[in-house]
């Protein structure tokens, strides 16, 4: 993806790009990973703002560990204070 910004005030272009990068969420809404947004380069700022304006909720949950093993204790640790959200959950109907 090129690193160009969205045209000023083009909410439809931002919504279309966010929608393309989202996947279904168990809540009935959609979810988008923070890393995917950051990969959009200069467009990320507009995308974060659009998500916030459309009631997107930051998700800080940590995935459950798959095994205890040598590093199992680290996998169960809570996210550090001030750590960025891993993903954002948008409610059902956010793109309508």
PDB file of N, CA and C in Angstrom:
ATOM      1  N   UNK A   1       0.851  -1.176   0.000  1.00  0.00           N
ATOM      2  CA  UNK A   1       0.000   0.000   0.000  1.00  0.00           C
ATOM      3  C   UNK A   1       0.890   1.231   0.000  1.00  0.00           C
ATOM      4  N   UNK A   2       0.544   2.234  -0.754  1.00  0.00           N
ATOM      5  CA  UNK A   2       1.330   3.455  -0.770  1.00  0.00           C
ATOM      6  C   UNK A   2       1.148   4.203   0.542  1.00  0.00           C
ATOM      7  N   UNK A   3       2.044   5.104   0.822  1.00  0.00           N
ATOM      8  CA  UNK A   3       2.047   5.822   2.080  1.00  0.00           C
ATOM      9  C   UNK A   3       1.348   7.179   1.947  1.00  0.00           C
ATOM     10  N   UNK A   4       0.453   7.343   0.989  1.00  0.00           N
ATOM     11  CA  UNK A   4      -0.237   8.604   0.811  1.00  0.00           C
ATOM     12  C   UNK A   4      -1.418   8.686   1.768  1.00  0.00           C
ATOM     13  N   UNK A   5      -1.773   9.895   2.153  1.00  0.00           N
ATOM     14  CA  UNK A   5      -2.896  10.102   3.063  1.00  0.00           C
ATOM     15  C   UNK A   5      -4.212  10.043   2.314  1.00  0.00           C
ATOM     16  N   UNK A   6      -5.280   9.914   3.094  1.00  0.00           N
ATOM     17  CA  UNK A   6      -6.619   9.971   2.512  1.00  0.00           C
ATOM     18  C   UNK A   6      -6.918  11.408   2.112  1.00  0.00           C
ATOM     19  N   UNK A   7      -7.762  11.622   1.116  1.00  0.00           N
ATOM     20  CA  UNK A   7      -8.168  12.984   0.781  1.00  0.00           C
ATOM     21  C   UNK A   7      -8.838  13.631   1.990  1.00  0.00           C
ATOM     22  N   UNK A   8      -8.575  14.895   2.261  1.00  0.00           N
ATOM     23  CA  UNK A   8      -9.163  15.550   3.432  1.00  0.00           C
ATOM     24  C   UNK A   8     -10.684  15.428   3.462  1.00  0.00           C
ATOM     25  N   UNK A   9     -11.206  15.006   4.591  1.00  0.00           N
ATOM     26  CA  UNK A   9     -12.650  14.909   4.780  1.00  0.00           C
ATOM     27  C   UNK A   9     -13.318  13.746   4.077  1.00  0.00           C
ATOM     28  N   UNK A  10     -12.560  12.818   3.532  1.00  0.00           N
ATOM     29  CA  UNK A  10     -13.153  11.703   2.795  1.00  0.00           C
ATOM     30  C   UNK A  10     -13.420  10.523   3.730  1.00  0.00           C
ATOM     31  N   UNK A  11     -14.485  10.653   4.516  1.00  0.00           N
ATOM     32  CA  UNK A  11     -14.880   9.613   5.477  1.00  0.00           C
ATOM     33  C   UNK A  11     -15.168   8.289   4.776  1.00  0.00           C
ATOM     34  N   UNK A  12     -15.734   8.339   3.590  1.00  0.00           N
ATOM     35  CA  UNK A  12     -16.078   7.112   2.861  1.00  0.00           C
ATOM     36  C   UNK A  12     -14.825   6.319   2.496  1.00  0.00           C
ATOM     37  N   UNK A  13     -13.755   6.992   2.116  1.00  0.00           N
ATOM     38  CA  UNK A  13     -12.506   6.312   1.758  1.00  0.00           C
ATOM     39  C   UNK A  13     -11.887   5.658   2.991  1.00  0.00           C
ATOM     40  N   UNK A  14     -11.933   6.352   4.110  1.00  0.00           N
ATOM     41  CA  UNK A  14     -11.384   5.793   5.353  1.00  0.00           C
ATOM     42  C   UNK A  14     -12.207   4.582   5.776  1.00  0.00           C
ATOM     43  N   UNK A  15     -13.534   4.719   5.758  1.00  0.00           N
ATOM     44  CA  UNK A  15     -14.414   3.613   6.152  1.00  0.00           C
ATOM     45  C   UNK A  15     -14.198   2.407   5.251  1.00  0.00           C
ATOM     46  N   UNK A  16     -14.038   2.633   3.967  1.00  0.00           N
ATOM     47  CA  UNK A  16     -13.829   1.532   3.029  1.00  0.00           C
ATOM     48  C   UNK A  16     -12.528   0.801   3.323  1.00  0.00           C
ATOM     49  N   UNK A  17     -11.469   1.539   3.624  1.00  0.00           N
ATOM     50  CA  UNK A  17     -10.180   0.902   3.908  1.00  0.00           C
ATOM     51  C   UNK A  17     -10.234   0.129   5.224  1.00  0.00           C
ATOM     52  N   UNK A  18     -10.823   0.728   6.275  1.00  0.00           N
ATOM     53  CA  UNK A  18     -10.941   0.047   7.564  1.00  0.00           C
ATOM     54  C   UNK A  18     -11.773  -1.226   7.389  1.00  0.00           C
ATOM     55  N   UNK A  19     -12.868  -1.127   6.662  1.00  0.00           N
ATOM     56  CA  UNK A  19     -13.742  -2.277   6.430  1.00  0.00           C
ATOM     57  C   UNK A  19     -13.005  -3.414   5.737  1.00  0.00           C
ATOM     58  N   UNK A  20     -12.175  -3.073   4.782  1.00  0.00           N
ATOM     59  CA  UNK A  20     -11.402  -4.068   4.045  1.00  0.00           C
ATOM     60  C   UNK A  20     -10.441  -4.822   4.963  1.00  0.00           C
ATOM     61  N   UNK A  21      -9.905  -4.152   5.961  1.00  0.00           N
ATOM     62  CA  UNK A  21      -8.899  -4.743   6.839  1.00  0.00           C
ATOM     63  C   UNK A  21      -9.478  -5.428   8.072  1.00  0.00           C
ATOM     64  N   UNK A  22     -10.771  -5.294   8.288  1.00  0.00           N
ATOM     65  CA  UNK A  22     -11.428  -5.889   9.457  1.00  0.00           C
ATOM     66  C   UNK A  22     -11.783  -7.352   9.201  1.00  0.00           C
ATOM     67  N   UNK A  23     -12.017  -8.054  10.301  1.00  0.00           N
ATOM     68  CA  UNK A  23     -12.540  -9.421  10.239  1.00  0.00           C
ATOM     69  C   UNK A  23     -13.690  -9.507  11.229  1.00  0.00           C
ATOM     70  N   UNK A  24     -14.555 -10.489  11.089  1.00  0.00           N
ATOM     71  CA  UNK A  24     -15.696 -10.618  12.003  1.00  0.00           C
ATOM     72  C   UNK A  24     -15.239 -10.853  13.451  1.00  0.00           C
ATOM     73  N   UNK A  25     -16.023 -10.348  14.373  1.00  0.00           N
ATOM     74  CA  UNK A  25     -15.749 -10.525  15.806  1.00  0.00           C
ATOM     75  C   UNK A  25     -16.908 -11.283  16.433  1.00  0.00           C
ATOM     76  N   UNK A  26     -16.656 -11.997  17.509  1.00  0.00           N
ATOM     77  CA  UNK A  26     -17.684 -12.790  18.189  1.00  0.00           C
ATOM     78  C   UNK A  26     -18.846 -11.947  18.695  1.00  0.00           C
ATOM     79  N   UNK A  27     -18.620 -10.660  18.905  1.00  0.00           N
ATOM     80  CA  UNK A  27     -19.664  -9.762  19.403  1.00  0.00           C
ATOM     81  C   UNK A  27     -20.714  -9.435  18.344  1.00  0.00           C
ATOM     82  N   UNK A  28     -20.431  -9.776  17.102  1.00  0.00           N
ATOM     83  CA  UNK A  28     -21.312  -9.424  15.994  1.00  0.00           C
ATOM     84  C   UNK A  28     -20.781  -8.242  15.215  1.00  0.00           C
ATOM     85  N   UNK A  29     -19.805  -7.563  15.776  1.00  0.00           N
ATOM     86  CA  UNK A  29     -19.167  -6.444  15.098  1.00  0.00           C
ATOM     87  C   UNK A  29     -17.963  -6.922  14.311  1.00  0.00           C
ATOM     88  N   UNK A  30     -16.955  -6.060  14.206  1.00  0.00           N
ATOM     89  CA  UNK A  30     -15.733  -6.412  13.500  1.00  0.00           C
ATOM     90  C   UNK A  30     -14.539  -6.047  14.361  1.00  0.00           C
ATOM     91  N   UNK A  31     -13.397  -6.608  14.025  1.00  0.00           N
ATOM     92  CA  UNK A  31     -12.169  -6.324  14.760  1.00  0.00           C
ATOM     93  C   UNK A  31     -11.055  -6.051  13.763  1.00  0.00           C
ATOM     94  N   UNK A  32     -10.187  -5.120  14.118  1.00  0.00           N
ATOM     95  CA  UNK A  32      -9.031  -4.790  13.287  1.00  0.00           C
ATOM     96  C   UNK A  32      -7.799  -4.751  14.187  1.00  0.00           C
ATOM     97  N   UNK A  33      -6.743  -5.364  13.739  1.00  0.00           N
ATOM     98  CA  UNK A  33      -5.504  -5.433  14.510  1.00  0.00           C
ATOM     99  C   UNK A  33      -4.744  -4.112  14.413  1.00  0.00           C
ATOM    100  N   UNK A  34      -4.137  -3.712  15.513  1.00  0.00           N
ATOM    101  CA  UNK A  34      -3.353  -2.478  15.558  1.00  0.00           C
ATOM    102  C   UNK A  34      -2.209  -2.525  14.541  1.00  0.00           C
ATOM    103  N   UNK A  35      -1.555  -3.666  14.421  1.00  0.00           N
ATOM    104  CA  UNK A  35      -0.426  -3.797  13.498  1.00  0.00           C
ATOM    105  C   UNK A  35      -0.845  -3.563  12.051  1.00  0.00           C
ATOM    106  N   UNK A  36      -2.057  -3.971  11.714  1.00  0.00           N
ATOM    107  CA  UNK A  36      -2.568  -3.780  10.353  1.00  0.00           C
ATOM    108  C   UNK A  36      -2.785  -2.290  10.081  1.00  0.00           C
ATOM    109  N   UNK A  37      -3.282  -1.587  11.082  1.00  0.00           N
ATOM    110  CA  UNK A  37      -3.496  -0.142  10.937  1.00  0.00           C
ATOM    111  C   UNK A  37      -2.154   0.556  10.766  1.00  0.00           C
ATOM    112  N   UNK A  38      -1.180   0.218  11.614  1.00  0.00           N
ATOM    113  CA  UNK A  38       0.135   0.852  11.541  1.00  0.00           C
ATOM    114  C   UNK A  38       0.822   0.586  10.209  1.00  0.00           C
ATOM    115  N   UNK A  39       0.541  -0.544   9.590  1.00  0.00           N
ATOM    116  CA  UNK A  39       1.133  -0.868   8.296  1.00  0.00           C
ATOM    117  C   UNK A  39       0.647   0.072   7.188  1.00  0.00           C
ATOM    118  N   UNK A  40      -0.415   0.800   7.458  1.00  0.00           N
ATOM    119  CA  UNK A  40      -0.948   1.746   6.466  1.00  0.00           C
ATOM    120  C   UNK A  40      -0.155   3.049   6.413  1.00  0.00           C
ATOM    121  N   UNK A  41       0.859   3.185   7.234  1.00  0.00           N
ATOM    122  CA  UNK A  41       1.721   4.371   7.194  1.00  0.00           C
ATOM    123  C   UNK A  41       0.995   5.633   7.622  1.00  0.00           C
ATOM    124  N   UNK A  42       1.074   6.669   6.799  1.00  0.00           N
ATOM    125  CA  UNK A  42       0.487   7.966   7.152  1.00  0.00           C
ATOM    126  C   UNK A  42      -1.037   7.921   7.238  1.00  0.00           C
ATOM    127  N   UNK A  43      -1.646   6.903   6.691  1.00  0.00           N
ATOM    128  CA  UNK A  43      -3.102   6.749   6.769  1.00  0.00           C
ATOM    129  C   UNK A  43      -3.556   6.307   8.155  1.00  0.00           C
ATOM    130  N   UNK A  44      -2.661   5.776   8.952  1.00  0.00           N
ATOM    131  CA  UNK A  44      -3.009   5.225  10.263  1.00  0.00           C
ATOM    132  C   UNK A  44      -3.673   6.258  11.167  1.00  0.00           C
ATOM    133  N   UNK A  45      -3.196   7.469  11.155  1.00  0.00           N
ATOM    134  CA  UNK A  45      -3.757   8.514  12.023  1.00  0.00           C
ATOM    135  C   UNK A  45      -5.236   8.725  11.724  1.00  0.00           C
ATOM    136  N   UNK A  46      -5.570   8.832  10.453  1.00  0.00           N
ATOM    137  CA  UNK A  46      -6.971   9.023  10.060  1.00  0.00           C
ATOM    138  C   UNK A  46      -7.803   7.796  10.403  1.00  0.00           C
ATOM    139  N   UNK A  47      -7.212   6.616  10.278  1.00  0.00           N
ATOM    140  CA  UNK A  47      -7.937   5.379  10.581  1.00  0.00           C
ATOM    141  C   UNK A  47      -8.212   5.258  12.074  1.00  0.00           C
ATOM    142  N   UNK A  48      -7.224   5.571  12.912  1.00  0.00           N
ATOM    143  CA  UNK A  48      -7.440   5.552  14.357  1.00  0.00           C
ATOM    144  C   UNK A  48      -8.538   6.533  14.751  1.00  0.00           C
ATOM    145  N   UNK A  49      -8.524   7.719  14.160  1.00  0.00           N
ATOM    146  CA  UNK A  49      -9.548   8.731  14.454  1.00  0.00           C
ATOM    147  C   UNK A  49     -10.927   8.244  14.020  1.00  0.00           C
ATOM    148  N   UNK A  50     -11.014   7.622  12.846  1.00  0.00           N
ATOM    149  CA  UNK A  50     -12.293   7.115  12.354  1.00  0.00           C
ATOM    150  C   UNK A  50     -12.831   6.033  13.290  1.00  0.00           C
ATOM    151  N   UNK A  51     -11.965   5.134  13.734  1.00  0.00           N
ATOM    152  CA  UNK A  51     -12.383   4.063  14.652  1.00  0.00           C
ATOM    153  C   UNK A  51     -12.907   4.649  15.946  1.00  0.00           C
ATOM    154  N   UNK A  52     -12.212   5.627  16.486  1.00  0.00           N
ATOM    155  CA  UNK A  52     -12.659   6.275  17.723  1.00  0.00           C
ATOM    156  C   UNK A  52     -13.998   6.976  17.518  1.00  0.00           C
ATOM    157  N   UNK A  53     -14.169   7.660  16.406  1.00  0.00           N
ATOM    158  CA  UNK A  53     -15.420   8.376  16.108  1.00  0.00           C
ATOM    159  C   UNK A  53     -16.602   7.435  15.894  1.00  0.00           C
ATOM    160  N   UNK A  54     -16.331   6.165  15.596  1.00  0.00           N
ATOM    161  CA  UNK A  54     -17.394   5.191  15.326  1.00  0.00           C
ATOM    162  C   UNK A  54     -17.499   4.151  16.444  1.00  0.00           C
ATOM    163  N   UNK A  55     -17.183   4.592  17.654  1.00  0.00           N
ATOM    164  CA  UNK A  55     -17.346   3.786  18.877  1.00  0.00           C
ATOM    165  C   UNK A  55     -16.497   2.530  18.910  1.00  0.00           C
ATOM    166  N   UNK A  56     -15.350   2.551  18.278  1.00  0.00           N
ATOM    167  CA  UNK A  56     -14.418   1.434  18.371  1.00  0.00           C
ATOM    168  C   UNK A  56     -13.850   1.358  19.785  1.00  0.00           C
ATOM    169  N   UNK A  57     -13.669   0.154  20.280  1.00  0.00           N
ATOM    170  CA  UNK A  57     -13.180  -0.066  21.636  1.00  0.00           C
ATOM    171  C   UNK A  57     -11.831  -0.770  21.570  1.00  0.00           C
ATOM    172  N   UNK A  58     -10.855  -0.230  22.288  1.00  0.00           N
ATOM    173  CA  UNK A  58      -9.536  -0.847  22.335  1.00  0.00           C
ATOM    174  C   UNK A  58      -9.603  -2.151  23.112  1.00  0.00           C
ATOM    175  N   UNK A  59      -8.942  -3.174  22.600  1.00  0.00           N
ATOM    176  CA  UNK A  59      -8.916  -4.491  23.237  1.00  0.00           C
ATOM    177  C   UNK A  59      -7.485  -4.772  23.683  1.00  0.00           C
ATOM    178  N   UNK A  60      -7.301  -4.907  25.004  1.00  0.00           N
ATOM    179  CA  UNK A  60      -5.979  -5.131  25.572  1.00  0.00           C
ATOM    180  C   UNK A  60      -5.761  -6.574  26.014  1.00  0.00           C
ATOM    181  N   UNK A  61      -6.680  -7.473  25.706  1.00  0.00           N
ATOM    182  CA  UNK A  61      -6.571  -8.842  26.195  1.00  0.00           C
ATOM    183  C   UNK A  61      -5.334  -9.534  25.645  1.00  0.00           C
ATOM    184  N   UNK A  62      -4.811 -10.437  26.453  1.00  0.00           N
ATOM    185  CA  UNK A  62      -3.642 -11.212  26.080  1.00  0.00           C
ATOM    186  C   UNK A  62      -4.116 -12.616  25.756  1.00  0.00           C
ATOM    187  N   UNK A  63      -3.632 -13.184  24.691  1.00  0.00           N
ATOM    188  CA  UNK A  63      -4.018 -14.541  24.312  1.00  0.00           C
ATOM    189  C   UNK A  63      -3.589 -15.533  25.378  1.00  0.00           C
ATOM    190  N   UNK A  64      -4.403 -16.543  25.573  1.00  0.00           N
ATOM    191  CA  UNK A  64      -4.074 -17.591  26.541  1.00  0.00           C
ATOM    192  C   UNK A  64      -2.862 -18.368  26.055  1.00  0.00           C
ATOM    193  N   UNK A  65      -1.995 -18.784  26.976  1.00  0.00           N
ATOM    194  CA  UNK A  65      -0.812 -19.537  26.558  1.00  0.00           C
ATOM    195  C   UNK A  65      -1.196 -20.908  26.017  1.00  0.00           C
ATOM    196  N   UNK A  66      -0.435 -21.404  25.077  1.00  0.00           N
ATOM    197  CA  UNK A  66      -0.697 -22.715  24.485  1.00  0.00           C
ATOM    198  C   UNK A  66      -0.016 -23.826  25.280  1.00  0.00           C
ATOM    199  N   UNK A  67       1.012 -23.472  26.020  1.00  0.00           N
ATOM    200  CA  UNK A  67       1.726 -24.452  26.827  1.00  0.00           C
ATOM    201  C   UNK A  67       2.388 -23.741  27.999  1.00  0.00           C
ATOM    202  N   UNK A  68       2.688 -24.474  29.034  1.00  0.00           N
ATOM    203  CA  UNK A  68       3.342 -23.885  30.199  1.00  0.00           C
ATOM    204  C   UNK A  68       4.829 -23.709  29.910  1.00  0.00           C
ATOM    205  N   UNK A  69       5.541 -24.746  29.594  1.00  0.00           N
ATOM    206  CA  UNK A  69       6.934 -24.707  29.175  1.00  0.00           C
ATOM    207  C   UNK A  69       7.825 -23.724  29.916  1.00  0.00           C
ATOM    208  N   UNK A  70       8.982 -23.500  29.381  1.00  0.00           N
ATOM    209  CA  UNK A  70       9.983 -22.634  29.977  1.00  0.00           C
ATOM    210  C   UNK A  70       9.530 -21.185  30.053  1.00  0.00           C
ATOM    211  N   UNK A  71       8.840 -20.710  29.035  1.00  0.00           N
ATOM    212  CA  UNK A  71       8.431 -19.307  28.986  1.00  0.00           C
ATOM    213  C   UNK A  71       6.939 -19.127  29.263  1.00  0.00           C
ATOM    214  N   UNK A  72       6.302 -20.116  29.817  1.00  0.00           N
ATOM    215  CA  UNK A  72       4.873 -20.064  30.086  1.00  0.00           C
ATOM    216  C   UNK A  72       4.476 -18.933  30.997  1.00  0.00           C
ATOM    217  N   UNK A  73       5.287 -18.606  31.991  1.00  0.00           N
ATOM    218  CA  UNK A  73       4.951 -17.541  32.932  1.00  0.00           C
ATOM    219  C   UNK A  73       4.862 -16.199  32.221  1.00  0.00           C
ATOM    220  N   UNK A  74       5.707 -15.972  31.244  1.00  0.00           N
ATOM    221  CA  UNK A  74       5.669 -14.707  30.510  1.00  0.00           C
ATOM    222  C   UNK A  74       4.406 -14.590  29.660  1.00  0.00           C
ATOM    223  N   UNK A  75       3.958 -15.685  29.124  1.00  0.00           N
ATOM    224  CA  UNK A  75       2.782 -15.672  28.255  1.00  0.00           C
ATOM    225  C   UNK A  75       1.512 -15.336  29.025  1.00  0.00           C
ATOM    226  N   UNK A  76       1.496 -15.587  30.339  1.00  0.00           N
ATOM    227  CA  UNK A  76       0.291 -15.313  31.118  1.00  0.00           C
ATOM    228  C   UNK A  76       0.316 -13.934  31.759  1.00  0.00           C
ATOM    229  N   UNK A  77       1.403 -13.219  31.617  1.00  0.00           N
ATOM    230  CA  UNK A  77       1.521 -11.906  32.242  1.00  0.00           C
ATOM    231  C   UNK A  77       0.526 -10.928  31.614  1.00  0.00           C
ATOM    232  N   UNK A  78       0.020 -10.041  32.449  1.00  0.00           N
ATOM    233  CA  UNK A  78      -0.905  -9.009  31.971  1.00  0.00           C
ATOM    234  C   UNK A  78      -0.129  -7.989  31.147  1.00  0.00           C
ATOM    235  N   UNK A  79      -0.817  -7.272  30.256  1.00  0.00           N
ATOM    236  CA  UNK A  79      -0.114  -6.259  29.475  1.00  0.00           C
ATOM    237  C   UNK A  79       0.453  -5.181  30.398  1.00  0.00           C
ATOM    238  N   UNK A  80       1.584  -4.643  30.052  1.00  0.00           N
ATOM    239  CA  UNK A  80       2.220  -3.604  30.847  1.00  0.00           C
ATOM    240  C   UNK A  80       1.357  -2.349  30.874  1.00  0.00           C
ATOM    241  N   UNK A  81       1.419  -1.638  31.979  1.00  0.00           N
ATOM    242  CA  UNK A  81       0.671  -0.382  32.093  1.00  0.00           C
ATOM    243  C   UNK A  81       1.121   0.568  30.987  1.00  0.00           C
ATOM    244  N   UNK A  82       0.175   1.146  30.293  1.00  0.00           N
ATOM    245  CA  UNK A  82       0.486   2.066  29.202  1.00  0.00           C
ATOM    246  C   UNK A  82       0.773   1.387  27.879  1.00  0.00           C
ATOM    247  N   UNK A  83       0.689   0.055  27.849  1.00  0.00           N
ATOM    248  CA  UNK A  83       0.928  -0.662  26.592  1.00  0.00           C
ATOM    249  C   UNK A  83      -0.204  -0.358  25.614  1.00  0.00           C
ATOM    250  N   UNK A  84       0.100  -0.264  24.329  1.00  0.00           N
ATOM    251  CA  UNK A  84      -0.957   0.020  23.353  1.00  0.00           C
ATOM    252  C   UNK A  84      -1.907  -1.167  23.192  1.00  0.00           C
ATOM    253  N   UNK A  85      -3.094  -0.878  22.750  1.00  0.00           N
ATOM    254  CA  UNK A  85      -4.085  -1.927  22.490  1.00  0.00           C
ATOM    255  C   UNK A  85      -3.586  -2.829  21.367  1.00  0.00           C
ATOM    256  N   UNK A  86      -3.933  -4.102  21.433  1.00  0.00           N
ATOM    257  CA  UNK A  86      -3.540  -5.066  20.393  1.00  0.00           C
ATOM    258  C   UNK A  86      -4.464  -4.992  19.187  1.00  0.00           C
ATOM    259  N   UNK A  87      -5.722  -4.636  19.441  1.00  0.00           N
ATOM    260  CA  UNK A  87      -6.735  -4.592  18.380  1.00  0.00           C
ATOM    261  C   UNK A  87      -7.848  -3.645  18.805  1.00  0.00           C
ATOM    262  N   UNK A  88      -8.739  -3.364  17.860  1.00  0.00           N
ATOM    263  CA  UNK A  88      -9.880  -2.493  18.120  1.00  0.00           C
ATOM    264  C   UNK A  88     -11.139  -3.193  17.633  1.00  0.00           C
ATOM    265  N   UNK A  89     -12.168  -3.187  18.469  1.00  0.00           N
ATOM    266  CA  UNK A  89     -13.433  -3.837  18.142  1.00  0.00           C
ATOM    267  C   UNK A  89     -14.445  -2.757  17.793  1.00  0.00           C
ATOM    268  N   UNK A  90     -15.029  -2.885  16.628  1.00  0.00           N
ATOM    269  CA  UNK A  90     -16.068  -1.950  16.176  1.00  0.00           C
ATOM    270  C   UNK A  90     -17.425  -2.602  16.345  1.00  0.00           C
ATOM    271  N   UNK A  91     -18.417  -1.831  16.776  1.00  0.00           N
ATOM    272  CA  UNK A  91     -19.747  -2.416  16.981  1.00  0.00           C
ATOM    273  C   UNK A  91     -20.424  -2.780  15.666  1.00  0.00           C
ATOM    274  N   UNK A  92     -21.416  -3.634  15.792  1.00  0.00           N
ATOM    275  CA  UNK A  92     -22.216  -3.999  14.623  1.00  0.00           C
ATOM    276  C   UNK A  92     -22.840  -2.732  14.065  1.00  0.00           C
ATOM    277  N   UNK A  93     -22.808  -2.538  12.778  1.00  0.00           N
ATOM    278  CA  UNK A  93     -23.391  -1.368  12.146  1.00  0.00           C
ATOM    279  C   UNK A  93     -22.469  -0.168  12.060  1.00  0.00           C
ATOM    280  N   UNK A  94     -21.207  -0.314  12.419  1.00  0.00           N
ATOM    281  CA  UNK A  94     -20.268   0.823  12.372  1.00  0.00           C
ATOM    282  C   UNK A  94     -20.059   1.338  10.958  1.00  0.00           C
ATOM    283  N   UNK A  95     -20.267   0.498   9.954  1.00  0.00           N
ATOM    284  CA  UNK A  95     -20.005   0.901   8.576  1.00  0.00           C
ATOM    285  C   UNK A  95     -21.271   1.302   7.827  1.00  0.00           C
ATOM    286  N   UNK A  96     -22.375   1.386   8.537  1.00  0.00           N
ATOM    287  CA  UNK A  96     -23.643   1.762   7.873  1.00  0.00           C
ATOM    288  C   UNK A  96     -23.821   3.249   7.856  1.00  0.00           C
TER     289      UNK A  96
END
